[in-house]
Amino acid sequence: DYSRPLSTYLFQRSRIRLLGLLALPMTWLVGVYIVSLALLLVTAF
């Protein structure tokens, strides 16, 4: 039976729910980190 809602699936798998919650903020943090490293590299030379 494939009629289970997504909320039931995520409730039973807490690691997937946690990964989904943290994916967007971690993407922003890694992006800001890489951009700041690139700017440091550009301004150093």
N, C-alpha and C. Protein backbone atom coordinates (compact mmCIF):
# COMPACT_ATOMS: atom_id res chain seq x y z
N ASP A 1 0.84 -1.19 0.00
CA ASP A 1 0.00 0.00 0.00
C ASP A 1 0.88 1.25 0.00
N TYR A 2 0.77 2.03 -1.05
CA TYR A 2 1.60 3.22 -1.21
C TYR A 2 0.86 4.50 -0.87
N SER A 3 -0.21 4.41 -0.10
CA SER A 3 -1.03 5.58 0.18
C SER A 3 -0.64 6.28 1.49
N ARG A 4 0.48 5.87 2.12
CA ARG A 4 0.90 6.55 3.35
C ARG A 4 1.37 7.96 3.03
N PRO A 5 0.97 8.92 3.82
CA PRO A 5 1.39 10.30 3.55
C PRO A 5 2.87 10.50 3.90
N LEU A 6 3.40 11.58 3.38
CA LEU A 6 4.80 11.90 3.60
C LEU A 6 5.09 12.17 5.07
N SER A 7 4.13 12.74 5.78
CA SER A 7 4.35 13.05 7.20
C SER A 7 4.56 11.77 8.01
N THR A 8 3.85 10.71 7.67
CA THR A 8 4.04 9.43 8.37
C THR A 8 5.42 8.88 8.09
N TYR A 9 5.86 8.98 6.85
CA TYR A 9 7.20 8.51 6.48
C TYR A 9 8.28 9.26 7.24
N LEU A 10 8.14 10.59 7.32
CA LEU A 10 9.14 11.39 8.00
C LEU A 10 9.08 11.21 9.52
N PHE A 11 7.89 10.95 10.04
CA PHE A 11 7.77 10.73 11.48
C PHE A 11 8.48 9.45 11.91
N GLN A 12 8.44 8.44 11.06
CA GLN A 12 9.07 7.17 11.39
C GLN A 12 10.58 7.20 11.16
N ARG A 13 11.06 8.11 10.35
CA ARG A 13 12.49 8.19 10.05
C ARG A 13 13.01 9.56 10.47
N SER A 14 13.43 9.63 11.72
CA SER A 14 13.80 10.93 12.28
C SER A 14 15.09 11.47 11.67
N ARG A 15 15.98 10.60 11.22
CA ARG A 15 17.23 11.09 10.62
C ARG A 15 16.98 11.79 9.28
N ILE A 16 16.05 11.27 8.52
CA ILE A 16 15.72 11.92 7.24
C ILE A 16 15.05 13.26 7.50
N ARG A 17 14.19 13.31 8.54
CA ARG A 17 13.55 14.57 8.91
C ARG A 17 14.58 15.60 9.35
N LEU A 18 15.56 15.16 10.15
CA LEU A 18 16.61 16.06 10.61
C LEU A 18 17.46 16.54 9.44
N LEU A 19 17.78 15.64 8.52
CA LEU A 19 18.56 16.03 7.34
C LEU A 19 17.79 17.04 6.49
N GLY A 20 16.50 16.85 6.36
CA GLY A 20 15.69 17.80 5.60
C GLY A 20 15.61 19.16 6.26
N LEU A 21 15.57 19.18 7.58
CA LEU A 21 15.52 20.45 8.29
C LEU A 21 16.84 21.21 8.19
N LEU A 22 17.96 20.50 8.20
CA LEU A 22 19.26 21.15 8.24
C LEU A 22 19.87 21.39 6.87
N ALA A 23 19.28 20.85 5.82
CA ALA A 23 19.91 20.94 4.50
C ALA A 23 20.02 22.38 4.01
N LEU A 24 18.96 23.15 4.09
CA LEU A 24 18.99 24.52 3.57
C LEU A 24 19.90 25.45 4.38
N PRO A 25 19.82 25.46 5.71
CA PRO A 25 20.75 26.32 6.46
C PRO A 25 22.21 25.93 6.26
N MET A 26 22.50 24.63 6.18
CA MET A 26 23.88 24.21 5.97
C MET A 26 24.37 24.61 4.58
N THR A 27 23.48 24.58 3.59
CA THR A 27 23.86 25.02 2.25
C THR A 27 24.23 26.49 2.26
N TRP A 28 23.45 27.31 2.97
CA TRP A 28 23.76 28.74 3.07
C TRP A 28 25.09 28.95 3.77
N LEU A 29 25.32 28.25 4.87
CA LEU A 29 26.56 28.44 5.63
C LEU A 29 27.78 28.03 4.81
N VAL A 30 27.69 26.91 4.12
CA VAL A 30 28.81 26.46 3.29
C VAL A 30 29.02 27.42 2.13
N GLY A 31 27.95 27.93 1.55
CA GLY A 31 28.08 28.90 0.46
C GLY A 31 28.74 30.19 0.91
N VAL A 32 28.34 30.72 2.05
CA VAL A 32 28.96 31.94 2.58
C VAL A 32 30.43 31.69 2.90
N TYR A 33 30.74 30.52 3.44
CA TYR A 33 32.12 30.17 3.77
C TYR A 33 32.99 30.13 2.52
N ILE A 34 32.50 29.50 1.46
CA ILE A 34 33.28 29.40 0.22
C ILE A 34 33.46 30.76 -0.43
N VAL A 35 32.41 31.58 -0.43
CA VAL A 35 32.51 32.92 -1.02
C VAL A 35 33.50 33.77 -0.23
N SER A 36 33.47 33.67 1.10
CA SER A 36 34.41 34.47 1.90
C SER A 36 35.84 33.99 1.70
N LEU A 37 36.05 32.70 1.55
CA LEU A 37 37.40 32.21 1.25
C LEU A 37 37.87 32.71 -0.11
N ALA A 38 36.99 32.72 -1.08
CA ALA A 38 37.35 33.22 -2.41
C ALA A 38 37.69 34.70 -2.36
N LEU A 39 36.92 35.48 -1.61
CA LEU A 39 37.21 36.91 -1.49
C LEU A 39 38.54 37.15 -0.77
N LEU A 40 38.83 36.36 0.24
CA LEU A 40 40.13 36.47 0.91
C LEU A 40 41.27 36.16 -0.05
N LEU A 41 41.07 35.15 -0.88
CA LEU A 41 42.11 34.78 -1.85
C LEU A 41 42.29 35.87 -2.89
N VAL A 42 41.20 36.48 -3.33
CA VAL A 42 41.29 37.55 -4.34
C VAL A 42 41.97 38.78 -3.76
N THR A 43 41.63 39.15 -2.54
CA THR A 43 42.20 40.37 -1.97
C THR A 43 43.63 40.18 -1.47
N ALA A 44 44.08 38.94 -1.34
CA ALA A 44 45.43 38.69 -0.84
C ALA A 44 46.49 38.96 -1.90
N PHE A 45 46.12 38.89 -3.16
CA PHE A 45 47.12 39.05 -4.23
C PHE A 45 46.86 40.27 -5.07
